[in-house]
């Protein structure tokens, strides 16, 4: 009885939630996404023709893989820090503040 009641409450809560509405997106004359209503924005729903899109994409220089470069630098730094850690053989060294037994 209790699991059924919890399931009904969950269904009622989710069905009463309002739907999320997204704002429309517009494109500029080069086919890039731009906020609607700004200078250079085309009307809502306008898309660049396929032939023109292929010409625009072919004219753009290839973008460098900045994400991969950043990830590589992060991993090199991480492993360098790991290499700088002192050796650990499974037992802690005794410190000055440890109690004498």
PDB file of N, CA and C in Angstrom:
ATOM      1  N   UNK A   1       0.825  -1.192   0.000  1.00  0.00           N
ATOM      2  CA  UNK A   1       0.000   0.000   0.000  1.00  0.00           C
ATOM      3  C   UNK A   1       0.871   1.258   0.000  1.00  0.00           C
ATOM      4  N   UNK A   2       1.902   1.266   0.850  1.00  0.00           N
ATOM      5  CA  UNK A   2       2.754   2.450   0.962  1.00  0.00           C
ATOM      6  C   UNK A   2       3.530   2.732  -0.326  1.00  0.00           C
ATOM      7  N   UNK A   3       4.148   1.738  -0.990  1.00  0.00           N
ATOM      8  CA  UNK A   3       4.842   2.023  -2.256  1.00  0.00           C
ATOM      9  C   UNK A   3       3.897   2.540  -3.343  1.00  0.00           C
ATOM     10  N   UNK A   4       2.674   2.036  -3.356  1.00  0.00           N
ATOM     11  CA  UNK A   4       1.695   2.505  -4.336  1.00  0.00           C
ATOM     12  C   UNK A   4       1.337   3.959  -4.081  1.00  0.00           C
ATOM     13  N   UNK A   5       1.163   4.309  -2.821  1.00  0.00           N
ATOM     14  CA  UNK A   5       0.841   5.685  -2.469  1.00  0.00           C
ATOM     15  C   UNK A   5       1.983   6.623  -2.839  1.00  0.00           C
ATOM     16  N   UNK A   6       3.231   6.207  -2.569  1.00  0.00           N
ATOM     17  CA  UNK A   6       4.385   7.031  -2.935  1.00  0.00           C
ATOM     18  C   UNK A   6       4.491   7.195  -4.450  1.00  0.00           C
ATOM     19  N   UNK A   7       4.201   6.131  -5.196  1.00  0.00           N
ATOM     20  CA  UNK A   7       4.242   6.210  -6.654  1.00  0.00           C
ATOM     21  C   UNK A   7       3.169   7.160  -7.174  1.00  0.00           C
ATOM     22  N   UNK A   8       1.974   7.114  -6.608  1.00  0.00           N
ATOM     23  CA  UNK A   8       0.893   8.013  -7.026  1.00  0.00           C
ATOM     24  C   UNK A   8       1.224   9.471  -6.707  1.00  0.00           C
ATOM     25  N   UNK A   9       1.852   9.706  -5.560  1.00  0.00           N
ATOM     26  CA  UNK A   9       2.253  11.068  -5.199  1.00  0.00           C
ATOM     27  C   UNK A   9       3.315  11.573  -6.179  1.00  0.00           C
ATOM     28  N   UNK A  10       4.261  10.715  -6.535  1.00  0.00           N
ATOM     29  CA  UNK A  10       5.306  11.114  -7.479  1.00  0.00           C
ATOM     30  C   UNK A  10       4.724  11.426  -8.848  1.00  0.00           C
ATOM     31  N   UNK A  11       3.799  10.605  -9.309  1.00  0.00           N
ATOM     32  CA  UNK A  11       3.165  10.836 -10.612  1.00  0.00           C
ATOM     33  C   UNK A  11       2.368  12.131 -10.589  1.00  0.00           C
ATOM     34  N   UNK A  12       1.634  12.384  -9.520  1.00  0.00           N
ATOM     35  CA  UNK A  12       0.835  13.604  -9.421  1.00  0.00           C
ATOM     36  C   UNK A  12       1.725  14.841  -9.386  1.00  0.00           C
ATOM     37  N   UNK A  13       2.838  14.756  -8.668  1.00  0.00           N
ATOM     38  CA  UNK A  13       3.761  15.892  -8.588  1.00  0.00           C
ATOM     39  C   UNK A  13       4.386  16.182  -9.942  1.00  0.00           C
ATOM     40  N   UNK A  14       4.831  15.142 -10.640  1.00  0.00           N
ATOM     41  CA  UNK A  14       5.472  15.347 -11.939  1.00  0.00           C
ATOM     42  C   UNK A  14       4.488  15.808 -13.009  1.00  0.00           C
ATOM     43  N   UNK A  15       3.249  15.358 -12.943  1.00  0.00           N
ATOM     44  CA  UNK A  15       2.277  15.776 -13.957  1.00  0.00           C
ATOM     45  C   UNK A  15       1.785  17.206 -13.703  1.00  0.00           C
ATOM     46  N   UNK A  16       1.896  17.696 -12.485  1.00  0.00           N
ATOM     47  CA  UNK A  16       1.453  19.052 -12.176  1.00  0.00           C
ATOM     48  C   UNK A  16       2.540  20.086 -12.464  1.00  0.00           C
ATOM     49  N   UNK A  17       3.761  19.649 -12.747  1.00  0.00           N
ATOM     50  CA  UNK A  17       4.863  20.585 -12.998  1.00  0.00           C
ATOM     51  C   UNK A  17       4.662  21.263 -14.351  1.00  0.00           C
ATOM     52  N   UNK A  18       4.964  22.554 -14.440  1.00  0.00           N
ATOM     53  CA  UNK A  18       4.801  23.238 -15.723  1.00  0.00           C
ATOM     54  C   UNK A  18       5.873  22.807 -16.719  1.00  0.00           C
ATOM     55  N   UNK A  19       5.522  22.883 -17.992  1.00  0.00           N
ATOM     56  CA  UNK A  19       6.472  22.520 -19.042  1.00  0.00           C
ATOM     57  C   UNK A  19       7.491  23.637 -19.208  1.00  0.00           C
ATOM     58  N   UNK A  20       8.727  23.268 -19.463  1.00  0.00           N
ATOM     59  CA  UNK A  20       9.782  24.251 -19.670  1.00  0.00           C
ATOM     60  C   UNK A  20       9.740  24.730 -21.116  1.00  0.00           C
ATOM     61  N   UNK A  21       9.772  26.014 -21.295  1.00  0.00           N
ATOM     62  CA  UNK A  21       9.732  26.592 -22.631  1.00  0.00           C
ATOM     63  C   UNK A  21      11.082  27.240 -22.913  1.00  0.00           C
ATOM     64  N   UNK A  22      11.641  26.949 -24.059  1.00  0.00           N
ATOM     65  CA  UNK A  22      12.921  27.529 -24.452  1.00  0.00           C
ATOM     66  C   UNK A  22      12.664  28.690 -25.410  1.00  0.00           C
ATOM     67  N   UNK A  23      13.544  29.654 -25.371  1.00  0.00           N
ATOM     68  CA  UNK A  23      13.427  30.791 -26.275  1.00  0.00           C
ATOM     69  C   UNK A  23      13.834  30.356 -27.679  1.00  0.00           C
ATOM     70  N   UNK A  24      13.268  30.976 -28.703  1.00  0.00           N
ATOM     71  CA  UNK A  24      13.661  30.617 -30.061  1.00  0.00           C
ATOM     72  C   UNK A  24      15.082  31.099 -30.357  1.00  0.00           C
ATOM     73  N   UNK A  25      15.762  30.404 -31.224  1.00  0.00           N
ATOM     74  CA  UNK A  25      17.093  30.818 -31.633  1.00  0.00           C
ATOM     75  C   UNK A  25      17.040  31.301 -33.074  1.00  0.00           C
ATOM     76  N   UNK A  26      17.877  32.246 -33.380  1.00  0.00           N
ATOM     77  CA  UNK A  26      17.962  32.784 -34.733  1.00  0.00           C
ATOM     78  C   UNK A  26      19.366  32.554 -35.270  1.00  0.00           C
ATOM     79  N   UNK A  27      19.533  32.777 -36.559  1.00  0.00           N
ATOM     80  CA  UNK A  27      20.840  32.656 -37.191  1.00  0.00           C
ATOM     81  C   UNK A  27      21.175  33.967 -37.879  1.00  0.00           C
ATOM     82  N   UNK A  28      22.492  34.185 -38.065  1.00  0.00           N
ATOM     83  CA  UNK A  28      22.902  35.358 -38.834  1.00  0.00           C
ATOM     84  C   UNK A  28      23.129  34.924 -40.286  1.00  0.00           C
ATOM     85  N   UNK A  29      23.653  35.805 -41.113  1.00  0.00           N
ATOM     86  CA  UNK A  29      23.813  35.491 -42.540  1.00  0.00           C
ATOM     87  C   UNK A  29      24.852  34.411 -42.814  1.00  0.00           C
ATOM     88  N   UNK A  30      25.719  34.128 -41.828  1.00  0.00           N
ATOM     89  CA  UNK A  30      26.716  33.070 -41.989  1.00  0.00           C
ATOM     90  C   UNK A  30      26.250  31.733 -41.433  1.00  0.00           C
ATOM     91  N   UNK A  31      25.061  31.705 -40.852  1.00  0.00           N
ATOM     92  CA  UNK A  31      24.532  30.470 -40.299  1.00  0.00           C
ATOM     93  C   UNK A  31      24.899  30.237 -38.853  1.00  0.00           C
ATOM     94  N   UNK A  32      25.548  31.195 -38.202  1.00  0.00           N
ATOM     95  CA  UNK A  32      25.896  31.064 -36.793  1.00  0.00           C
ATOM     96  C   UNK A  32      24.684  31.381 -35.932  1.00  0.00           C
ATOM     97  N   UNK A  33      24.591  30.723 -34.782  1.00  0.00           N
ATOM     98  CA  UNK A  33      23.483  30.968 -33.862  1.00  0.00           C
ATOM     99  C   UNK A  33      23.695  32.305 -33.169  1.00  0.00           C
ATOM    100  N   UNK A  34      22.618  33.093 -33.098  1.00  0.00           N
ATOM    101  CA  UNK A  34      22.672  34.432 -32.518  1.00  0.00           C
ATOM    102  C   UNK A  34      21.354  34.679 -31.797  1.00  0.00           C
ATOM    103  N   UNK A  35      21.368  35.588 -30.838  1.00  0.00           N
ATOM    104  CA  UNK A  35      20.153  35.906 -30.100  1.00  0.00           C
ATOM    105  C   UNK A  35      19.187  36.667 -31.015  1.00  0.00           C
ATOM    106  N   UNK A  36      17.931  36.308 -30.958  1.00  0.00           N
ATOM    107  CA  UNK A  36      16.921  36.977 -31.785  1.00  0.00           C
ATOM    108  C   UNK A  36      16.752  38.425 -31.338  1.00  0.00           C
ATOM    109  N   UNK A  37      16.543  39.302 -32.272  1.00  0.00           N
ATOM    110  CA  UNK A  37      16.309  40.699 -31.966  1.00  0.00           C
ATOM    111  C   UNK A  37      17.566  41.541 -31.946  1.00  0.00           C
ATOM    112  N   UNK A  38      18.732  40.949 -32.129  1.00  0.00           N
ATOM    113  CA  UNK A  38      19.968  41.719 -32.162  1.00  0.00           C
ATOM    114  C   UNK A  38      20.310  42.072 -33.604  1.00  0.00           C
ATOM    115  N   UNK A  39      21.266  42.978 -33.756  1.00  0.00           N
ATOM    116  CA  UNK A  39      21.660  43.398 -35.099  1.00  0.00           C
ATOM    117  C   UNK A  39      22.275  42.214 -35.841  1.00  0.00           C
ATOM    118  N   UNK A  40      21.844  41.990 -37.045  1.00  0.00           N
ATOM    119  CA  UNK A  40      22.368  40.913 -37.869  1.00  0.00           C
ATOM    120  C   UNK A  40      21.600  39.615 -37.749  1.00  0.00           C
ATOM    121  N   UNK A  41      20.598  39.555 -36.876  1.00  0.00           N
ATOM    122  CA  UNK A  41      19.817  38.325 -36.707  1.00  0.00           C
ATOM    123  C   UNK A  41      18.777  38.228 -37.811  1.00  0.00           C
ATOM    124  N   UNK A  42      18.640  37.043 -38.350  1.00  0.00           N
ATOM    125  CA  UNK A  42      17.624  36.784 -39.364  1.00  0.00           C
ATOM    126  C   UNK A  42      16.314  36.438 -38.645  1.00  0.00           C
ATOM    127  N   UNK A  43      15.206  36.378 -39.360  1.00  0.00           N
ATOM    128  CA  UNK A  43      13.926  36.064 -38.707  1.00  0.00           C
ATOM    129  C   UNK A  43      13.927  34.664 -38.079  1.00  0.00           C
ATOM    130  N   UNK A  44      13.027  34.487 -37.115  1.00  0.00           N
ATOM    131  CA  UNK A  44      12.906  33.198 -36.428  1.00  0.00           C
ATOM    132  C   UNK A  44      12.516  32.131 -37.437  1.00  0.00           C
ATOM    133  N   UNK A  45      13.228  31.000 -37.419  1.00  0.00           N
ATOM    134  CA  UNK A  45      12.923  29.902 -38.323  1.00  0.00           C
ATOM    135  C   UNK A  45      13.725  29.922 -39.614  1.00  0.00           C
ATOM    136  N   UNK A  46      14.433  31.028 -39.898  1.00  0.00           N
ATOM    137  CA  UNK A  46      15.224  31.104 -41.128  1.00  0.00           C
ATOM    138  C   UNK A  46      16.474  30.262 -40.954  1.00  0.00           C
ATOM    139  N   UNK A  47      16.816  29.491 -41.979  1.00  0.00           N
ATOM    140  CA  UNK A  47      18.046  28.711 -41.964  1.00  0.00           C
ATOM    141  C   UNK A  47      18.831  28.995 -43.231  1.00  0.00           C
ATOM    142  N   UNK A  48      20.119  28.847 -43.132  1.00  0.00           N
ATOM    143  CA  UNK A  48      21.006  29.054 -44.261  1.00  0.00           C
ATOM    144  C   UNK A  48      20.780  27.936 -45.273  1.00  0.00           C
ATOM    145  N   UNK A  49      20.651  28.255 -46.559  1.00  0.00           N
ATOM    146  CA  UNK A  49      20.483  27.199 -47.559  1.00  0.00           C
ATOM    147  C   UNK A  49      21.676  26.226 -47.535  1.00  0.00           C
ATOM    148  N   UNK A  50      21.424  24.981 -47.887  1.00  0.00           N
ATOM    149  CA  UNK A  50      22.448  23.940 -47.775  1.00  0.00           C
ATOM    150  C   UNK A  50      23.667  24.247 -48.643  1.00  0.00           C
ATOM    151  N   UNK A  51      23.469  24.738 -49.841  1.00  0.00           N
ATOM    152  CA  UNK A  51      24.603  25.032 -50.721  1.00  0.00           C
ATOM    153  C   UNK A  51      25.468  26.146 -50.134  1.00  0.00           C
ATOM    154  N   UNK A  52      24.823  27.171 -49.612  1.00  0.00           N
ATOM    155  CA  UNK A  52      25.573  28.275 -49.024  1.00  0.00           C
ATOM    156  C   UNK A  52      26.253  27.839 -47.726  1.00  0.00           C
ATOM    157  N   UNK A  53      25.593  26.968 -46.955  1.00  0.00           N
ATOM    158  CA  UNK A  53      26.187  26.484 -45.715  1.00  0.00           C
ATOM    159  C   UNK A  53      27.475  25.721 -45.993  1.00  0.00           C
ATOM    160  N   UNK A  54      27.485  24.886 -47.036  1.00  0.00           N
ATOM    161  CA  UNK A  54      28.701  24.132 -47.333  1.00  0.00           C
ATOM    162  C   UNK A  54      29.828  25.064 -47.765  1.00  0.00           C
ATOM    163  N   UNK A  55      29.496  26.149 -48.491  1.00  0.00           N
ATOM    164  CA  UNK A  55      30.526  27.117 -48.883  1.00  0.00           C
ATOM    165  C   UNK A  55      31.081  27.857 -47.668  1.00  0.00           C
ATOM    166  N   UNK A  56      30.227  28.230 -46.736  1.00  0.00           N
ATOM    167  CA  UNK A  56      30.668  28.957 -45.539  1.00  0.00           C
ATOM    168  C   UNK A  56      31.536  28.056 -44.667  1.00  0.00           C
ATOM    169  N   UNK A  57      31.135  26.812 -44.496  1.00  0.00           N
ATOM    170  CA  UNK A  57      31.912  25.894 -43.666  1.00  0.00           C
ATOM    171  C   UNK A  57      33.257  25.553 -44.306  1.00  0.00           C
ATOM    172  N   UNK A  58      33.308  25.482 -45.625  1.00  0.00           N
ATOM    173  CA  UNK A  58      34.574  25.183 -46.301  1.00  0.00           C
ATOM    174  C   UNK A  58      35.535  26.360 -46.213  1.00  0.00           C
ATOM    175  N   UNK A  59      35.011  27.585 -46.122  1.00  0.00           N
ATOM    176  CA  UNK A  59      35.863  28.770 -46.086  1.00  0.00           C
ATOM    177  C   UNK A  59      36.441  29.025 -44.691  1.00  0.00           C
ATOM    178  N   UNK A  60      35.849  28.448 -43.656  1.00  0.00           N
ATOM    179  CA  UNK A  60      36.335  28.665 -42.293  1.00  0.00           C
ATOM    180  C   UNK A  60      37.603  27.859 -42.052  1.00  0.00           C
ATOM    181  N   UNK A  61      38.574  28.440 -41.339  1.00  0.00           N
ATOM    182  CA  UNK A  61      39.773  27.664 -40.994  1.00  0.00           C
ATOM    183  C   UNK A  61      39.422  26.617 -39.936  1.00  0.00           C
ATOM    184  N   UNK A  62      40.122  25.506 -39.934  1.00  0.00           N
ATOM    185  CA  UNK A  62      39.821  24.486 -38.915  1.00  0.00           C
ATOM    186  C   UNK A  62      40.185  25.001 -37.530  1.00  0.00           C
ATOM    187  N   UNK A  63      39.340  24.676 -36.570  1.00  0.00           N
ATOM    188  CA  UNK A  63      39.561  25.142 -35.201  1.00  0.00           C
ATOM    189  C   UNK A  63      40.551  24.211 -34.501  1.00  0.00           C
ATOM    190  N   UNK A  64      41.472  24.770 -33.723  1.00  0.00           N
ATOM    191  CA  UNK A  64      42.413  23.903 -32.993  1.00  0.00           C
ATOM    192  C   UNK A  64      41.677  23.158 -31.887  1.00  0.00           C
ATOM    193  N   UNK A  65      42.113  21.967 -31.604  1.00  0.00           N
ATOM    194  CA  UNK A  65      41.435  21.205 -30.545  1.00  0.00           C
ATOM    195  C   UNK A  65      41.837  21.714 -29.167  1.00  0.00           C
ATOM    196  N   UNK A  66      41.296  22.855 -28.787  1.00  0.00           N
ATOM    197  CA  UNK A  66      41.664  23.489 -27.513  1.00  0.00           C
ATOM    198  C   UNK A  66      41.269  22.616 -26.327  1.00  0.00           C
ATOM    199  N   UNK A  67      40.164  21.919 -26.433  1.00  0.00           N
ATOM    200  CA  UNK A  67      39.735  21.076 -25.322  1.00  0.00           C
ATOM    201  C   UNK A  67      40.726  19.940 -25.095  1.00  0.00           C
ATOM    202  N   UNK A  68      41.182  19.327 -26.170  1.00  0.00           N
ATOM    203  CA  UNK A  68      42.131  18.228 -26.037  1.00  0.00           C
ATOM    204  C   UNK A  68      43.483  18.726 -25.539  1.00  0.00           C
ATOM    205  N   UNK A  69      43.895  19.904 -25.987  1.00  0.00           N
ATOM    206  CA  UNK A  69      45.153  20.470 -25.536  1.00  0.00           C
ATOM    207  C   UNK A  69      45.089  20.764 -24.034  1.00  0.00           C
ATOM    208  N   UNK A  70      44.011  21.357 -23.580  1.00  0.00           N
ATOM    209  CA  UNK A  70      43.843  21.641 -22.155  1.00  0.00           C
ATOM    210  C   UNK A  70      43.811  20.371 -21.321  1.00  0.00           C
ATOM    211  N   UNK A  71      43.116  19.356 -21.822  1.00  0.00           N
ATOM    212  CA  UNK A  71      43.062  18.086 -21.105  1.00  0.00           C
ATOM    213  C   UNK A  71      44.448  17.458 -21.019  1.00  0.00           C
ATOM    214  N   UNK A  72      45.198  17.510 -22.117  1.00  0.00           N
ATOM    215  CA  UNK A  72      46.546  16.952 -22.113  1.00  0.00           C
ATOM    216  C   UNK A  72      47.454  17.659 -21.124  1.00  0.00           C
ATOM    217  N   UNK A  73      47.392  18.983 -21.080  1.00  0.00           N
ATOM    218  CA  UNK A  73      48.215  19.736 -20.129  1.00  0.00           C
ATOM    219  C   UNK A  73      47.819  19.433 -18.690  1.00  0.00           C
ATOM    220  N   UNK A  74      46.533  19.300 -18.446  1.00  0.00           N
ATOM    221  CA  UNK A  74      46.072  18.957 -17.097  1.00  0.00           C
ATOM    222  C   UNK A  74      46.601  17.594 -16.676  1.00  0.00           C
ATOM    223  N   UNK A  75      46.508  16.599 -17.569  1.00  0.00           N
ATOM    224  CA  UNK A  75      46.975  15.258 -17.222  1.00  0.00           C
ATOM    225  C   UNK A  75      48.483  15.227 -17.000  1.00  0.00           C
ATOM    226  N   UNK A  76      49.246  15.958 -17.806  1.00  0.00           N
ATOM    227  CA  UNK A  76      50.696  16.018 -17.611  1.00  0.00           C
ATOM    228  C   UNK A  76      51.011  16.624 -16.246  1.00  0.00           C
ATOM    229  N   UNK A  77      50.347  17.705 -15.883  1.00  0.00           N
ATOM    230  CA  UNK A  77      50.563  18.322 -14.580  1.00  0.00           C
ATOM    231  C   UNK A  77      50.161  17.416 -13.432  1.00  0.00           C
ATOM    232  N   UNK A  78      49.045  16.719 -13.598  1.00  0.00           N
ATOM    233  CA  UNK A  78      48.573  15.812 -12.546  1.00  0.00           C
ATOM    234  C   UNK A  78      49.565  14.682 -12.316  1.00  0.00           C
ATOM    235  N   UNK A  79      50.026  14.070 -13.403  1.00  0.00           N
ATOM    236  CA  UNK A  79      50.980  12.972 -13.251  1.00  0.00           C
ATOM    237  C   UNK A  79      52.338  13.466 -12.774  1.00  0.00           C
ATOM    238  N   UNK A  80      52.694  14.700 -13.101  1.00  0.00           N
ATOM    239  CA  UNK A  80      53.942  15.263 -12.576  1.00  0.00           C
ATOM    240  C   UNK A  80      53.845  15.443 -11.063  1.00  0.00           C
ATOM    241  N   UNK A  81      52.702  15.898 -10.585  1.00  0.00           N
ATOM    242  CA  UNK A  81      52.526  16.022  -9.133  1.00  0.00           C
ATOM    243  C   UNK A  81      52.539  14.661  -8.449  1.00  0.00           C
ATOM    244  N   UNK A  82      51.951  13.655  -9.091  1.00  0.00           N
ATOM    245  CA  UNK A  82      51.995  12.313  -8.520  1.00  0.00           C
ATOM    246  C   UNK A  82      53.426  11.785  -8.464  1.00  0.00           C
ATOM    247  N   UNK A  83      54.230  12.101  -9.478  1.00  0.00           N
ATOM    248  CA  UNK A  83      55.616  11.636  -9.494  1.00  0.00           C
ATOM    249  C   UNK A  83      56.440  12.315  -8.404  1.00  0.00           C
ATOM    250  N   UNK A  84      56.058  13.498  -7.978  1.00  0.00           N
ATOM    251  CA  UNK A  84      56.799  14.220  -6.953  1.00  0.00           C
ATOM    252  C   UNK A  84      56.449  13.784  -5.530  1.00  0.00           C
ATOM    253  N   UNK A  85      55.428  12.946  -5.382  1.00  0.00           N
ATOM    254  CA  UNK A  85      55.058  12.476  -4.051  1.00  0.00           C
ATOM    255  C   UNK A  85      56.152  11.574  -3.497  1.00  0.00           C
ATOM    256  N   UNK A  86      56.344  11.585  -2.167  1.00  0.00           N
ATOM    257  CA  UNK A  86      57.361  10.702  -1.577  1.00  0.00           C
ATOM    258  C   UNK A  86      56.928   9.243  -1.669  1.00  0.00           C
ATOM    259  N   UNK A  87      57.919   8.358  -1.600  1.00  0.00           N
ATOM    260  CA  UNK A  87      57.615   6.929  -1.642  1.00  0.00           C
ATOM    261  C   UNK A  87      56.867   6.526  -0.384  1.00  0.00           C
ATOM    262  N   UNK A  88      55.959   5.597  -0.529  1.00  0.00           N
ATOM    263  CA  UNK A  88      55.185   5.099   0.603  1.00  0.00           C
ATOM    264  C   UNK A  88      55.240   3.590   0.562  1.00  0.00           C
ATOM    265  N   UNK A  89      55.802   2.977   1.622  1.00  0.00           N
ATOM    266  CA  UNK A  89      55.975   1.531   1.638  1.00  0.00           C
ATOM    267  C   UNK A  89      54.916   0.808   2.463  1.00  0.00           C
ATOM    268  N   UNK A  90      53.917   1.491   2.899  1.00  0.00           N
ATOM    269  CA  UNK A  90      52.832   0.848   3.635  1.00  0.00           C
ATOM    270  C   UNK A  90      52.822   1.160   5.113  1.00  0.00           C
ATOM    271  N   UNK A  91      53.873   1.778   5.656  1.00  0.00           N
ATOM    272  CA  UNK A  91      53.893   2.131   7.066  1.00  0.00           C
ATOM    273  C   UNK A  91      54.237   3.612   7.191  1.00  0.00           C
ATOM    274  N   UNK A  92      53.558   4.276   8.099  1.00  0.00           N
ATOM    275  CA  UNK A  92      53.801   5.695   8.286  1.00  0.00           C
ATOM    276  C   UNK A  92      55.096   5.908   9.061  1.00  0.00           C
ATOM    277  N   UNK A  93      55.806   6.967   8.712  1.00  0.00           N
ATOM    278  CA  UNK A  93      57.006   7.332   9.464  1.00  0.00           C
ATOM    279  C   UNK A  93      56.589   7.950  10.795  1.00  0.00           C
ATOM    280  N   UNK A  94      57.443   7.795  11.753  1.00  0.00           N
ATOM    281  CA  UNK A  94      57.167   8.363  13.065  1.00  0.00           C
ATOM    282  C   UNK A  94      57.449   9.866  13.025  1.00  0.00           C
ATOM    283  N   UNK A  95      56.591  10.664  13.581  1.00  0.00           N
ATOM    284  CA  UNK A  95      56.744  12.116  13.615  1.00  0.00           C
ATOM    285  C   UNK A  95      57.188  12.552  15.014  1.00  0.00           C
ATOM    286  N   UNK A  96      57.649  13.775  15.107  1.00  0.00           N
ATOM    287  CA  UNK A  96      58.107  14.296  16.384  1.00  0.00           C
ATOM    288  C   UNK A  96      56.994  14.357  17.419  1.00  0.00           C
ATOM    289  N   UNK A  97      55.786  14.650  16.972  1.00  0.00           N
ATOM    290  CA  UNK A  97      54.692  14.837  17.922  1.00  0.00           C
ATOM    291  C   UNK A  97      54.007  13.553  18.328  1.00  0.00           C
ATOM    292  N   UNK A  98      54.428  12.410  17.749  1.00  0.00           N
ATOM    293  CA  UNK A  98      53.825  11.140  18.142  1.00  0.00           C
ATOM    294  C   UNK A  98      54.212  10.799  19.568  1.00  0.00           C
ATOM    295  N   UNK A  99      53.325  10.116  20.254  1.00  0.00           N
ATOM    296  CA  UNK A  99      53.611   9.743  21.645  1.00  0.00           C
ATOM    297  C   UNK A  99      54.664   8.640  21.695  1.00  0.00           C
ATOM    298  N   UNK A 100      55.506   8.710  22.687  1.00  0.00           N
ATOM    299  CA  UNK A 100      56.497   7.663  22.911  1.00  0.00           C
ATOM    300  C   UNK A 100      55.796   6.491  23.578  1.00  0.00           C
ATOM    301  N   UNK A 101      56.055   5.284  23.096  1.00  0.00           N
ATOM    302  CA  UNK A 101      55.422   4.114  23.688  1.00  0.00           C
ATOM    303  C   UNK A 101      56.383   3.335  24.521  1.00  0.00           C
TER     304      UNK A 101
END
